[in-house]
Every structure is written in C-alpha cells, then in structure tokens.
Amino acid sequence: MFSVVGLTLDEVSSGALPHVHLAKTLDNRKTKSNFRFAEMILVYTTVETDTQGSAARTKYRQQGQFLVFLYFNDAAVKACEEIGIPIRVLDRIDERDLPVRRATVLERPYLAPVSK
C-alpha cells in the first residue's frame, strides 16, 4: 500500500519537504551501529507531463490546494512517524493505482533502531 501525501505551495516554497528530511535522517543513520536494515523505503511523485497530477488535484481538492503529490510506501510512512516528520496523508492506494508515469524521489533502506 501507498499513502498519497499532498504538499502545498507554501510547503514547497519553504523547503518543508518530508522526503528530503527523511533522506537526510536515513543517510545520517548509515554510519551508526545501533540501526539495522528493516525494509526498503520508496517515495514517488508524478512526472510533470503526466495528467495524473491534475487528476489528483481535482480528486483531493476538498482537502486543500496541493502543488505536489508524493506516494509513500508503508515503510516510508512508518519511518516518518518514528522520526517525527509530519506528513499529510490524503488517501491510501494499492501499488497498482500508482501513476503509471512516475519518478522515484527517494529509494533508501529503512534503517530502524535496534531493539534492546
């Protein structure tokens, strides 16, 4: 499953990009021994020339005015919750419902804290 996450113009302009913050945090964990590989984190977005973005804007219009849509897999959502990165989940969709034309914006191993 994937979570549809909407970003507003203000969030994009201010650099409040959850996938960027997530990538930096995961990269910092690589050098620490108290983290272990758990799963692969995937975050996609629509390709600029694809009509899926405008269709999503129409579909989620009642929830706000969004400039960008990101699609977080379950591991990415779990990592954001653990790290404390706020994301606005608009919907949950199956992998088969992802935009056909999409770009990968984040693909990293999820380095989870080692349980004691």
PDB file of N, CA and C in Angstrom:
ATOM      1  N   MET A   1       0.844  -1.187   0.000  1.00  0.00           N
ATOM      2  CA  MET A   1       0.000   0.000   0.000  1.00  0.00           C
ATOM      3  C   MET A   1       0.885   1.244   0.000  1.00  0.00           C
ATOM      4  N   PHE A   2       0.319   2.295  -0.559  1.00  0.00           N
ATOM      5  CA  PHE A   2       0.990   3.587  -0.602  1.00  0.00           C
ATOM      6  C   PHE A   2       0.057   4.649  -0.046  1.00  0.00           C
ATOM      7  N   SER A   3       0.648   5.629   0.618  1.00  0.00           N
ATOM      8  CA  SER A   3      -0.101   6.770   1.134  1.00  0.00           C
ATOM      9  C   SER A   3       0.124   7.949   0.204  1.00  0.00           C
ATOM     10  N   VAL A   4      -0.970   8.605  -0.186  1.00  0.00           N
ATOM     11  CA  VAL A   4      -0.893   9.798  -1.015  1.00  0.00           C
ATOM     12  C   VAL A   4      -0.684  10.976  -0.071  1.00  0.00           C
ATOM     13  N   VAL A   5       0.395  11.716  -0.285  1.00  0.00           N
ATOM     14  CA  VAL A   5       0.751  12.850   0.555  1.00  0.00           C
ATOM     15  C   VAL A   5       0.729  14.103  -0.312  1.00  0.00           C
ATOM     16  N   GLY A   6      -0.013  15.113   0.135  1.00  0.00           N
ATOM     17  CA  GLY A   6      -0.106  16.360  -0.607  1.00  0.00           C
ATOM     18  C   GLY A   6       0.785  17.427  -0.003  1.00  0.00           C
ATOM     19  N   LEU A   7       1.494  18.180  -0.858  1.00  0.00           N
ATOM     20  CA  LEU A   7       2.300  19.310  -0.421  1.00  0.00           C
ATOM     21  C   LEU A   7       1.736  20.582  -1.032  1.00  0.00           C
ATOM     22  N   THR A   8       1.581  21.608  -0.205  1.00  0.00           N
ATOM     23  CA  THR A   8       1.059  22.885  -0.680  1.00  0.00           C
ATOM     24  C   THR A   8       2.196  23.726  -1.264  1.00  0.00           C
ATOM     25  N   LEU A   9       1.826  24.813  -1.920  1.00  0.00           N
ATOM     26  CA  LEU A   9       2.813  25.752  -2.462  1.00  0.00           C
ATOM     27  C   LEU A   9       3.680  26.307  -1.341  1.00  0.00           C
ATOM     28  N   ASP A  10       3.083  26.643  -0.207  1.00  0.00           N
ATOM     29  CA  ASP A  10       3.850  27.172   0.930  1.00  0.00           C
ATOM     30  C   ASP A  10       4.882  26.170   1.427  1.00  0.00           C
ATOM     31  N   GLU A  11       4.501  24.907   1.511  1.00  0.00           N
ATOM     32  CA  GLU A  11       5.435  23.873   1.971  1.00  0.00           C
ATOM     33  C   GLU A  11       6.596  23.701   0.994  1.00  0.00           C
ATOM     34  N   VAL A  12       6.282  23.695  -0.284  1.00  0.00           N
ATOM     35  CA  VAL A  12       7.321  23.542  -1.299  1.00  0.00           C
ATOM     36  C   VAL A  12       8.240  24.765  -1.286  1.00  0.00           C
ATOM     37  N   SER A  13       7.661  25.966  -1.211  1.00  0.00           N
ATOM     38  CA  SER A  13       8.449  27.211  -1.224  1.00  0.00           C
ATOM     39  C   SER A  13       9.373  27.315  -0.016  1.00  0.00           C
ATOM     40  N   SER A  14       8.885  26.874   1.136  1.00  0.00           N
ATOM     41  CA  SER A  14       9.673  26.992   2.363  1.00  0.00           C
ATOM     42  C   SER A  14      10.690  25.866   2.518  1.00  0.00           C
ATOM     43  N   GLY A  15      10.622  24.878   1.646  1.00  0.00           N
ATOM     44  CA  GLY A  15      11.548  23.755   1.726  1.00  0.00           C
ATOM     45  C   GLY A  15      11.139  22.706   2.744  1.00  0.00           C
ATOM     46  N   ALA A  16       9.886  22.745   3.188  1.00  0.00           N
ATOM     47  CA  ALA A  16       9.378  21.757   4.148  1.00  0.00           C
ATOM     48  C   ALA A  16       8.994  20.484   3.402  1.00  0.00           C
ATOM     49  N   LEU A  17       9.991  19.792   2.914  1.00  0.00           N
ATOM     50  CA  LEU A  17       9.780  18.612   2.080  1.00  0.00           C
ATOM     51  C   LEU A  17      10.072  17.359   2.897  1.00  0.00           C
ATOM     52  N   PRO A  18       9.036  16.597   3.229  1.00  0.00           N
ATOM     53  CA  PRO A  18       9.239  15.454   4.118  1.00  0.00           C
ATOM     54  C   PRO A  18      10.193  14.407   3.573  1.00  0.00           C
ATOM     55  N   HIS A  19      10.192  14.189   2.275  1.00  0.00           N
ATOM     56  CA  HIS A  19      11.067  13.170   1.703  1.00  0.00           C
ATOM     57  C   HIS A  19      12.542  13.582   1.779  1.00  0.00           C
ATOM     58  N   VAL A  20      12.816  14.874   1.714  1.00  0.00           N
ATOM     59  CA  VAL A  20      14.200  15.359   1.827  1.00  0.00           C
ATOM     60  C   VAL A  20      14.690  15.187   3.267  1.00  0.00           C
ATOM     61  N   HIS A  21      13.856  15.565   4.221  1.00  0.00           N
ATOM     62  CA  HIS A  21      14.197  15.402   5.635  1.00  0.00           C
ATOM     63  C   HIS A  21      14.404  13.921   5.966  1.00  0.00           C
ATOM     64  N   LEU A  22      13.554  13.075   5.436  1.00  0.00           N
ATOM     65  CA  LEU A  22      13.653  11.637   5.657  1.00  0.00           C
ATOM     66  C   LEU A  22      14.960  11.094   5.076  1.00  0.00           C
ATOM     67  N   ALA A  23      15.307  11.496   3.870  1.00  0.00           N
ATOM     68  CA  ALA A  23      16.540  11.029   3.229  1.00  0.00           C
ATOM     69  C   ALA A  23      17.763  11.430   4.054  1.00  0.00           C
ATOM     70  N   LYS A  24      17.794  12.678   4.522  1.00  0.00           N
ATOM     71  CA  LYS A  24      18.932  13.142   5.328  1.00  0.00           C
ATOM     72  C   LYS A  24      19.052  12.332   6.619  1.00  0.00           C
ATOM     73  N   THR A  25      17.939  12.078   7.273  1.00  0.00           N
ATOM     74  CA  THR A  25      17.961  11.317   8.521  1.00  0.00           C
ATOM     75  C   THR A  25      18.458   9.895   8.283  1.00  0.00           C
ATOM     76  N   LEU A  26      17.964   9.266   7.222  1.00  0.00           N
ATOM     77  CA  LEU A  26      18.389   7.901   6.918  1.00  0.00           C
ATOM     78  C   LEU A  26      19.875   7.849   6.551  1.00  0.00           C
ATOM     79  N   ASP A  27      20.340   8.840   5.812  1.00  0.00           N
ATOM     80  CA  ASP A  27      21.759   8.892   5.454  1.00  0.00           C
ATOM     81  C   ASP A  27      22.629   9.054   6.701  1.00  0.00           C
ATOM     82  N   ASN A  28      22.177   9.840   7.672  1.00  0.00           N
ATOM     83  CA  ASN A  28      22.930  10.018   8.914  1.00  0.00           C
ATOM     84  C   ASN A  28      22.997   8.727   9.718  1.00  0.00           C
ATOM     85  N   ARG A  29      21.992   7.894   9.605  1.00  0.00           N
ATOM     86  CA  ARG A  29      21.958   6.639  10.354  1.00  0.00           C
ATOM     87  C   ARG A  29      22.923   5.599   9.801  1.00  0.00           C
ATOM     88  N   LYS A  30      23.321   5.741   8.551  1.00  0.00           N
ATOM     89  CA  LYS A  30      24.177   4.736   7.909  1.00  0.00           C
ATOM     90  C   LYS A  30      25.465   4.483   8.690  1.00  0.00           C
ATOM     91  N   THR A  31      25.988   5.502   9.326  1.00  0.00           N
ATOM     92  CA  THR A  31      27.282   5.380   9.992  1.00  0.00           C
ATOM     93  C   THR A  31      27.154   4.942  11.452  1.00  0.00           C
ATOM     94  N   LYS A  32      25.957   4.784  11.933  1.00  0.00           N
ATOM     95  CA  LYS A  32      25.754   4.410  13.335  1.00  0.00           C
ATOM     96  C   LYS A  32      25.425   2.923  13.430  1.00  0.00           C
ATOM     97  N   SER A  33      25.967   2.268  14.444  1.00  0.00           N
ATOM     98  CA  SER A  33      25.808   0.822  14.569  1.00  0.00           C
ATOM     99  C   SER A  33      24.513   0.396  15.258  1.00  0.00           C
ATOM    100  N   ASN A  34      23.769   1.349  15.832  1.00  0.00           N
ATOM    101  CA  ASN A  34      22.555   0.965  16.550  1.00  0.00           C
ATOM    102  C   ASN A  34      21.312   0.971  15.650  1.00  0.00           C
ATOM    103  N   PHE A  35      21.527   0.850  14.343  1.00  0.00           N
ATOM    104  CA  PHE A  35      20.423   0.769  13.387  1.00  0.00           C
ATOM    105  C   PHE A  35      20.628  -0.453  12.510  1.00  0.00           C
ATOM    106  N   ARG A  36      19.524  -1.051  12.092  1.00  0.00           N
ATOM    107  CA  ARG A  36      19.595  -2.236  11.243  1.00  0.00           C
ATOM    108  C   ARG A  36      18.666  -2.055  10.048  1.00  0.00           C
ATOM    109  N   PHE A  37      18.978  -2.739   8.958  1.00  0.00           N
ATOM    110  CA  PHE A  37      18.136  -2.704   7.766  1.00  0.00           C
ATOM    111  C   PHE A  37      16.812  -3.395   8.080  1.00  0.00           C
ATOM    112  N   ALA A  38      15.708  -2.747   7.788  1.00  0.00           N
ATOM    113  CA  ALA A  38      14.393  -3.342   8.025  1.00  0.00           C
ATOM    114  C   ALA A  38      13.652  -3.575   6.701  1.00  0.00           C
ATOM    115  N   GLU A  39      13.505  -2.539   5.902  1.00  0.00           N
ATOM    116  CA  GLU A  39      12.803  -2.646   4.623  1.00  0.00           C
ATOM    117  C   GLU A  39      13.265  -1.521   3.708  1.00  0.00           C
ATOM    118  N   MET A  40      12.788  -1.557   2.483  1.00  0.00           N
ATOM    119  CA  MET A  40      13.130  -0.511   1.534  1.00  0.00           C
ATOM    120  C   MET A  40      12.067   0.586   1.571  1.00  0.00           C
ATOM    121  N   ILE A  41      12.529   1.815   1.660  1.00  0.00           N
ATOM    122  CA  ILE A  41      11.643   2.977   1.625  1.00  0.00           C
ATOM    123  C   ILE A  41      11.545   3.452   0.184  1.00  0.00           C
ATOM    124  N   LEU A  42      10.313   3.688  -0.271  1.00  0.00           N
ATOM    125  CA  LEU A  42      10.076   4.200  -1.623  1.00  0.00           C
ATOM    126  C   LEU A  42       9.134   5.397  -1.547  1.00  0.00           C
ATOM    127  N   VAL A  43       9.506   6.459  -2.249  1.00  0.00           N
ATOM    128  CA  VAL A  43       8.639   7.625  -2.391  1.00  0.00           C
ATOM    129  C   VAL A  43       8.664   8.020  -3.859  1.00  0.00           C
ATOM    130  N   TYR A  44       7.477   8.123  -4.448  1.00  0.00           N
ATOM    131  CA  TYR A  44       7.328   8.502  -5.846  1.00  0.00           C
ATOM    132  C   TYR A  44       6.588   9.826  -5.952  1.00  0.00           C
ATOM    133  N   THR A  45       6.695  10.438  -7.117  1.00  0.00           N
ATOM    134  CA  THR A  45       5.870  11.591  -7.454  1.00  0.00           C
ATOM    135  C   THR A  45       5.455  11.452  -8.910  1.00  0.00           C
ATOM    136  N   THR A  46       4.538  12.299  -9.332  1.00  0.00           N
ATOM    137  CA  THR A  46       4.101  12.251 -10.731  1.00  0.00           C
ATOM    138  C   THR A  46       5.132  12.947 -11.609  1.00  0.00           C
ATOM    139  N   VAL A  47       5.192  12.536 -12.852  1.00  0.00           N
ATOM    140  CA  VAL A  47       6.039  13.186 -13.848  1.00  0.00           C
ATOM    141  C   VAL A  47       5.305  14.449 -14.299  1.00  0.00           C
ATOM    142  N   GLU A  48       6.042  15.540 -14.465  1.00  0.00           N
ATOM    143  CA  GLU A  48       5.433  16.843 -14.788  1.00  0.00           C
ATOM    144  C   GLU A  48       4.495  16.810 -15.979  1.00  0.00           C
ATOM    145  N   THR A  49       4.807  15.998 -16.976  1.00  0.00           N
ATOM    146  CA  THR A  49       3.991  15.973 -18.194  1.00  0.00           C
ATOM    147  C   THR A  49       2.810  15.021 -18.098  1.00  0.00           C
ATOM    148  N   ASP A  50       2.683  14.339 -16.969  1.00  0.00           N
ATOM    149  CA  ASP A  50       1.602  13.372 -16.801  1.00  0.00           C
ATOM    150  C   ASP A  50       0.342  14.073 -16.316  1.00  0.00           C
ATOM    151  N   THR A  51      -0.798  13.627 -16.772  1.00  0.00           N
ATOM    152  CA  THR A  51      -2.081  14.216 -16.355  1.00  0.00           C
ATOM    153  C   THR A  51      -2.518  13.729 -14.981  1.00  0.00           C
ATOM    154  N   GLN A  52      -1.815  12.746 -14.426  1.00  0.00           N
ATOM    155  CA  GLN A  52      -2.185  12.193 -13.118  1.00  0.00           C
ATOM    156  C   GLN A  52      -2.145  13.255 -12.025  1.00  0.00           C
ATOM    157  N   GLY A  53      -1.204  14.189 -12.099  1.00  0.00           N
ATOM    158  CA  GLY A  53      -1.098  15.250 -11.104  1.00  0.00           C
ATOM    159  C   GLY A  53      -2.333  16.137 -11.085  1.00  0.00           C
ATOM    160  N   SER A  54      -2.808  16.529 -12.245  1.00  0.00           N
ATOM    161  CA  SER A  54      -4.011  17.369 -12.291  1.00  0.00           C
ATOM    162  C   SER A  54      -5.249  16.580 -11.875  1.00  0.00           C
ATOM    163  N   ALA A  55      -5.277  15.303 -12.197  1.00  0.00           N
ATOM    164  CA  ALA A  55      -6.396  14.464 -11.759  1.00  0.00           C
ATOM    165  C   ALA A  55      -6.397  14.345 -10.235  1.00  0.00           C
ATOM    166  N   ALA A  56      -5.226  14.210  -9.634  1.00  0.00           N
ATOM    167  CA  ALA A  56      -5.122  14.125  -8.174  1.00  0.00           C
ATOM    168  C   ALA A  56      -5.545  15.448  -7.537  1.00  0.00           C
ATOM    169  N   ARG A  57      -5.150  16.585  -8.134  1.00  0.00           N
ATOM    170  CA  ARG A  57      -5.562  17.892  -7.597  1.00  0.00           C
ATOM    171  C   ARG A  57      -7.079  18.004  -7.560  1.00  0.00           C
ATOM    172  N   THR A  58      -7.733  17.515  -8.585  1.00  0.00           N
ATOM    173  CA  THR A  58      -9.202  17.531  -8.632  1.00  0.00           C
ATOM    174  C   THR A  58      -9.777  16.590  -7.580  1.00  0.00           C
ATOM    175  N   LYS A  59      -9.239  15.402  -7.494  1.00  0.00           N
ATOM    176  CA  LYS A  59      -9.749  14.391  -6.568  1.00  0.00           C
ATOM    177  C   LYS A  59      -9.640  14.833  -5.109  1.00  0.00           C
ATOM    178  N   TYR A  60      -8.536  15.500  -4.753  1.00  0.00           N
ATOM    179  CA  TYR A  60      -8.296  15.868  -3.357  1.00  0.00           C
ATOM    180  C   TYR A  60      -8.551  17.347  -3.072  1.00  0.00           C
ATOM    181  N   ARG A  61      -9.226  18.026  -3.977  1.00  0.00           N
ATOM    182  CA  ARG A  61      -9.489  19.462  -3.846  1.00  0.00           C
ATOM    183  C   ARG A  61     -10.182  19.807  -2.533  1.00  0.00           C
ATOM    184  N   GLN A  62     -11.075  18.966  -2.067  1.00  0.00           N
ATOM    185  CA  GLN A  62     -11.808  19.239  -0.823  1.00  0.00           C
ATOM    186  C   GLN A  62     -10.889  19.232   0.397  1.00  0.00           C
ATOM    187  N   GLN A  63      -9.713  18.608   0.270  1.00  0.00           N
ATOM    188  CA  GLN A  63      -8.785  18.511   1.399  1.00  0.00           C
ATOM    189  C   GLN A  63      -7.714  19.597   1.391  1.00  0.00           C
ATOM    190  N   GLY A  64      -7.678  20.421   0.341  1.00  0.00           N
ATOM    191  CA  GLY A  64      -6.712  21.509   0.262  1.00  0.00           C
ATOM    192  C   GLY A  64      -6.237  21.728  -1.160  1.00  0.00           C
ATOM    193  N   GLN A  65      -5.418  22.769  -1.319  1.00  0.00           N
ATOM    194  CA  GLN A  65      -4.848  23.077  -2.632  1.00  0.00           C
ATOM    195  C   GLN A  65      -3.397  22.606  -2.626  1.00  0.00           C
ATOM    196  N   PHE A  66      -3.143  21.545  -3.369  1.00  0.00           N
ATOM    197  CA  PHE A  66      -1.833  20.916  -3.348  1.00  0.00           C
ATOM    198  C   PHE A  66      -1.111  21.124  -4.670  1.00  0.00           C
ATOM    199  N   LEU A  67       0.167  21.420  -4.541  1.00  0.00           N
ATOM    200  CA  LEU A  67       1.006  21.633  -5.711  1.00  0.00           C
ATOM    201  C   LEU A  67       1.660  20.329  -6.165  1.00  0.00           C
ATOM    202  N   VAL A  68       2.060  19.518  -5.189  1.00  0.00           N
ATOM    203  CA  VAL A  68       2.803  18.291  -5.461  1.00  0.00           C
ATOM    204  C   VAL A  68       2.153  17.132  -4.705  1.00  0.00           C
ATOM    205  N   PHE A  69       2.165  15.977  -5.332  1.00  0.00           N
ATOM    206  CA  PHE A  69       1.694  14.759  -4.675  1.00  0.00           C
ATOM    207  C   PHE A  69       2.850  13.770  -4.617  1.00  0.00           C
ATOM    208  N   LEU A  70       3.022  13.205  -3.442  1.00  0.00           N
ATOM    209  CA  LEU A  70       4.031  12.177  -3.224  1.00  0.00           C
ATOM    210  C   LEU A  70       3.318  10.900  -2.819  1.00  0.00           C
ATOM    211  N   TYR A  71       3.926   9.782  -3.132  1.00  0.00           N
ATOM    212  CA  TYR A  71       3.348   8.486  -2.824  1.00  0.00           C
ATOM    213  C   TYR A  71       4.354   7.714  -1.964  1.00  0.00           C
ATOM    214  N   PHE A  72       4.075   7.605  -0.668  1.00  0.00           N
ATOM    215  CA  PHE A  72       4.966   6.966   0.306  1.00  0.00           C
ATOM    216  C   PHE A  72       4.537   5.518   0.515  1.00  0.00           C
ATOM    217  N   ASN A  73       5.494   4.579   0.421  1.00  0.00           N
ATOM    218  CA  ASN A  73       5.136   3.213   0.765  1.00  0.00           C
ATOM    219  C   ASN A  73       5.014   3.106   2.292  1.00  0.00           C
ATOM    220  N   ASP A  74       4.538   1.963   2.770  1.00  0.00           N
ATOM    221  CA  ASP A  74       4.294   1.802   4.205  1.00  0.00           C
ATOM    222  C   ASP A  74       5.554   2.006   5.039  1.00  0.00           C
ATOM    223  N   ALA A  75       6.695   1.548   4.536  1.00  0.00           N
ATOM    224  CA  ALA A  75       7.953   1.724   5.271  1.00  0.00           C
ATOM    225  C   ALA A  75       8.305   3.206   5.407  1.00  0.00           C
ATOM    226  N   ALA A  76       8.032   3.991   4.374  1.00  0.00           N
ATOM    227  CA  ALA A  76       8.318   5.431   4.422  1.00  0.00           C
ATOM    228  C   ALA A  76       7.415   6.128   5.434  1.00  0.00           C
ATOM    229  N   VAL A  77       6.149   5.751   5.473  1.00  0.00           N
ATOM    230  CA  VAL A  77       5.213   6.331   6.442  1.00  0.00           C
ATOM    231  C   VAL A  77       5.649   5.972   7.859  1.00  0.00           C
ATOM    232  N   LYS A  78       6.006   4.714   8.050  1.00  0.00           N
ATOM    233  CA  LYS A  78       6.456   4.237   9.363  1.00  0.00           C
ATOM    234  C   LYS A  78       7.706   4.998   9.809  1.00  0.00           C
ATOM    235  N   ALA A  79       8.645   5.198   8.911  1.00  0.00           N
ATOM    236  CA  ALA A  79       9.870   5.933   9.232  1.00  0.00           C
ATOM    237  C   ALA A  79       9.564   7.382   9.598  1.00  0.00           C
ATOM    238  N   CYS A  80       8.664   8.021   8.856  1.00  0.00           N
ATOM    239  CA  CYS A  80       8.287   9.412   9.165  1.00  0.00           C
ATOM    240  C   CYS A  80       7.665   9.498  10.557  1.00  0.00           C
ATOM    241  N   GLU A  81       6.806   8.547  10.884  1.00  0.00           N
ATOM    242  CA  GLU A  81       6.182   8.538  12.208  1.00  0.00           C
ATOM    243  C   GLU A  81       7.247   8.377  13.290  1.00  0.00           C
ATOM    244  N   GLU A  82       8.169   7.455  13.092  1.00  0.00           N
ATOM    245  CA  GLU A  82       9.216   7.187  14.077  1.00  0.00           C
ATOM    246  C   GLU A  82      10.123   8.406  14.276  1.00  0.00           C
ATOM    247  N   ILE A  83      10.477   9.060  13.180  1.00  0.00           N
ATOM    248  CA  ILE A  83      11.412  10.180  13.224  1.00  0.00           C
ATOM    249  C   ILE A  83      10.714  11.468  13.666  1.00  0.00           C
ATOM    250  N   GLY A  84       9.408  11.537  13.466  1.00  0.00           N
ATOM    251  CA  GLY A  84       8.661  12.742  13.819  1.00  0.00           C
ATOM    252  C   GLY A  84       8.518  13.720  12.672  1.00  0.00           C
ATOM    253  N   ILE A  85       8.526  13.198  11.457  1.00  0.00           N
ATOM    254  CA  ILE A  85       8.343  14.030  10.266  1.00  0.00           C
ATOM    255  C   ILE A  85       6.854  14.066   9.957  1.00  0.00           C
ATOM    256  N   PRO A  86       6.228  15.253  10.036  1.00  0.00           N
ATOM    257  CA  PRO A  86       4.793  15.308   9.760  1.00  0.00           C
ATOM    258  C   PRO A  86       4.507  15.174   8.260  1.00  0.00           C
ATOM    259  N   ILE A  87       3.543  14.337   7.952  1.00  0.00           N
ATOM    260  CA  ILE A  87       3.068  14.217   6.566  1.00  0.00           C
ATOM    261  C   ILE A  87       1.541  14.262   6.581  1.00  0.00           C
ATOM    262  N   ARG A  88       0.989  14.799   5.526  1.00  0.00           N
ATOM    263  CA  ARG A  88      -0.467  14.904   5.381  1.00  0.00           C
ATOM    264  C   ARG A  88      -0.920  13.802   4.429  1.00  0.00           C
ATOM    265  N   VAL A  89      -1.442  12.727   5.002  1.00  0.00           N
ATOM    266  CA  VAL A  89      -1.901  11.592   4.194  1.00  0.00           C
ATOM    267  C   VAL A  89      -3.329  11.871   3.753  1.00  0.00           C
ATOM    268  N   LEU A  90      -3.511  11.940   2.450  1.00  0.00           N
ATOM    269  CA  LEU A  90      -4.822  12.236   1.871  1.00  0.00           C
ATOM    270  C   LEU A  90      -5.613  10.980   1.560  1.00  0.00           C
ATOM    271  N   ASP A  91      -4.895   9.890   1.299  1.00  0.00           N
ATOM    272  CA  ASP A  91      -5.556   8.680   0.835  1.00  0.00           C
ATOM    273  C   ASP A  91      -4.561   7.526   0.935  1.00  0.00           C
ATOM    274  N   ARG A  92      -5.077   6.310   0.864  1.00  0.00           N
ATOM    275  CA  ARG A  92      -4.264   5.099   0.784  1.00  0.00           C
ATOM    276  C   ARG A  92      -4.649   4.380  -0.500  1.00  0.00           C
ATOM    277  N   ILE A  93      -3.652   3.967  -1.265  1.00  0.00           N
ATOM    278  CA  ILE A  93      -3.919   3.310  -2.540  1.00  0.00           C
ATOM    279  C   ILE A  93      -3.046   2.068  -2.681  1.00  0.00           C
ATOM    280  N   ASP A  94      -3.489   1.158  -3.522  1.00  0.00           N
ATOM    281  CA  ASP A  94      -2.696  -0.024  -3.844  1.00  0.00           C
ATOM    282  C   ASP A  94      -1.603   0.357  -4.833  1.00  0.00           C
ATOM    283  N   GLU A  95      -0.579  -0.455  -4.890  1.00  0.00           N
ATOM    284  CA  GLU A  95       0.524  -0.192  -5.806  1.00  0.00           C
ATOM    285  C   GLU A  95       0.042  -0.102  -7.255  1.00  0.00           C
ATOM    286  N   ARG A  96      -0.941  -0.906  -7.604  1.00  0.00           N
ATOM    287  CA  ARG A  96      -1.447  -0.895  -8.989  1.00  0.00           C
ATOM    288  C   ARG A  96      -2.127   0.429  -9.345  1.00  0.00           C
ATOM    289  N   ASP A  97      -2.498   1.235  -8.330  1.00  0.00           N
ATOM    290  CA  ASP A  97      -3.160   2.514  -8.566  1.00  0.00           C
ATOM    291  C   ASP A  97      -2.191   3.699  -8.589  1.00  0.00           C
ATOM    292  N   LEU A  98      -0.893   3.423  -8.454  1.00  0.00           N
ATOM    293  CA  LEU A  98       0.101   4.491  -8.558  1.00  0.00           C
ATOM    294  C   LEU A  98       0.091   5.048  -9.975  1.00  0.00           C
ATOM    295  N   PRO A  99       0.500   6.301 -10.154  1.00  0.00           N
ATOM    296  CA  PRO A  99       0.598   6.840 -11.515  1.00  0.00           C
ATOM    297  C   PRO A  99       1.520   5.972 -12.367  1.00  0.00           C
ATOM    298  N   VAL A 100       1.111   5.714 -13.564  1.00  0.00           N
ATOM    299  CA  VAL A 100       1.914   4.887 -14.465  1.00  0.00           C
ATOM    300  C   VAL A 100       3.238   5.587 -14.758  1.00  0.00           C
ATOM    301  N   ARG A 101       3.146   6.878 -15.040  1.00  0.00           N
ATOM    302  CA  ARG A 101       4.349   7.675 -15.293  1.00  0.00           C
ATOM    303  C   ARG A 101       4.700   8.370 -13.985  1.00  0.00           C
ATOM    304  N   ARG A 102       5.709   7.847 -13.313  1.00  0.00           N
ATOM    305  CA  ARG A 102       6.104   8.404 -12.022  1.00  0.00           C
ATOM    306  C   ARG A 102       7.626   8.469 -11.945  1.00  0.00           C
ATOM    307  N   ALA A 103       8.082   9.330 -11.061  1.00  0.00           N
ATOM    308  CA  ALA A 103       9.511   9.474 -10.821  1.00  0.00           C
ATOM    309  C   ALA A 103       9.800   9.064  -9.384  1.00  0.00           C
ATOM    310  N   THR A 104      10.892   8.382  -9.178  1.00  0.00           N
ATOM    311  CA  THR A 104      11.318   7.999  -7.835  1.00  0.00           C
ATOM    312  C   THR A 104      12.054   9.188  -7.225  1.00  0.00           C
ATOM    313  N   VAL A 105      11.566   9.668  -6.070  1.00  0.00           N
ATOM    314  CA  VAL A 105      12.241  10.778  -5.394  1.00  0.00           C
ATOM    315  C   VAL A 105      13.032  10.304  -4.185  1.00  0.00           C
ATOM    316  N   LEU A 106      12.754   9.090  -3.715  1.00  0.00           N
ATOM    317  CA  LEU A 106      13.513   8.531  -2.597  1.00  0.00           C
ATOM    318  C   LEU A 106      13.442   7.013  -2.649  1.00  0.00           C
ATOM    319  N   GLU A 107      14.614   6.400  -2.620  1.00  0.00           N
ATOM    320  CA  GLU A 107      14.706   4.942  -2.533  1.00  0.00           C
ATOM    321  C   GLU A 107      15.909   4.650  -1.652  1.00  0.00           C
ATOM    322  N   ARG A 108      15.628   4.300  -0.400  1.00  0.00           N
ATOM    323  CA  ARG A 108      16.676   4.062   0.581  1.00  0.00           C
ATOM    324  C   ARG A 108      16.266   2.901   1.481  1.00  0.00           C
ATOM    325  N   PRO A 109      17.238   2.222   2.036  1.00  0.00           N
ATOM    326  CA  PRO A 109      16.888   1.220   3.043  1.00  0.00           C
ATOM    327  C   PRO A 109      16.381   1.917   4.304  1.00  0.00           C
ATOM    328  N   TYR A 110      15.378   1.328   4.901  1.00  0.00           N
ATOM    329  CA  TYR A 110      14.863   1.828   6.171  1.00  0.00           C
ATOM    330  C   TYR A 110      15.769   1.261   7.257  1.00  0.00           C
ATOM    331  N   LEU A 111      16.505   2.120   7.907  1.00  0.00           N
ATOM    332  CA  LEU A 111      17.395   1.728   8.980  1.00  0.00           C
ATOM    333  C   LEU A 111      16.671   1.980  10.288  1.00  0.00           C
ATOM    334  N   ALA A 112      16.135   0.912  10.865  1.00  0.00           N
ATOM    335  CA  ALA A 112      15.344   1.002  12.088  1.00  0.00           C
ATOM    336  C   ALA A 112      16.248   0.850  13.309  1.00  0.00           C
ATOM    337  N   PRO A 113      15.859   1.475  14.429  1.00  0.00           N
ATOM    338  CA  PRO A 113      16.649   1.309  15.648  1.00  0.00           C
ATOM    339  C   PRO A 113      16.649  -0.166  16.067  1.00  0.00           C
ATOM    340  N   VAL A 114      17.784  -0.618  16.568  1.00  0.00           N
ATOM    341  CA  VAL A 114      17.899  -1.982  17.066  1.00  0.00           C
ATOM    342  C   VAL A 114      17.165  -2.073  18.394  1.00  0.00           C
ATOM    343  N   SER A 115      16.287  -3.053  18.516  1.00  0.00           N
ATOM    344  CA  SER A 115      15.541  -3.244  19.766  1.00  0.00           C
ATOM    345  C   SER A 115      16.465  -3.796  20.840  1.00  0.00           C
ATOM    346  N   LYS A 116      16.268  -3.320  22.037  1.00  0.00           N
ATOM    347  CA  LYS A 116      17.104  -3.795  23.151  1.00  0.00           C
ATOM    348  C   LYS A 116      16.337  -4.708  24.040  1.00  0.00           C
TER     349      LYS A 116
END
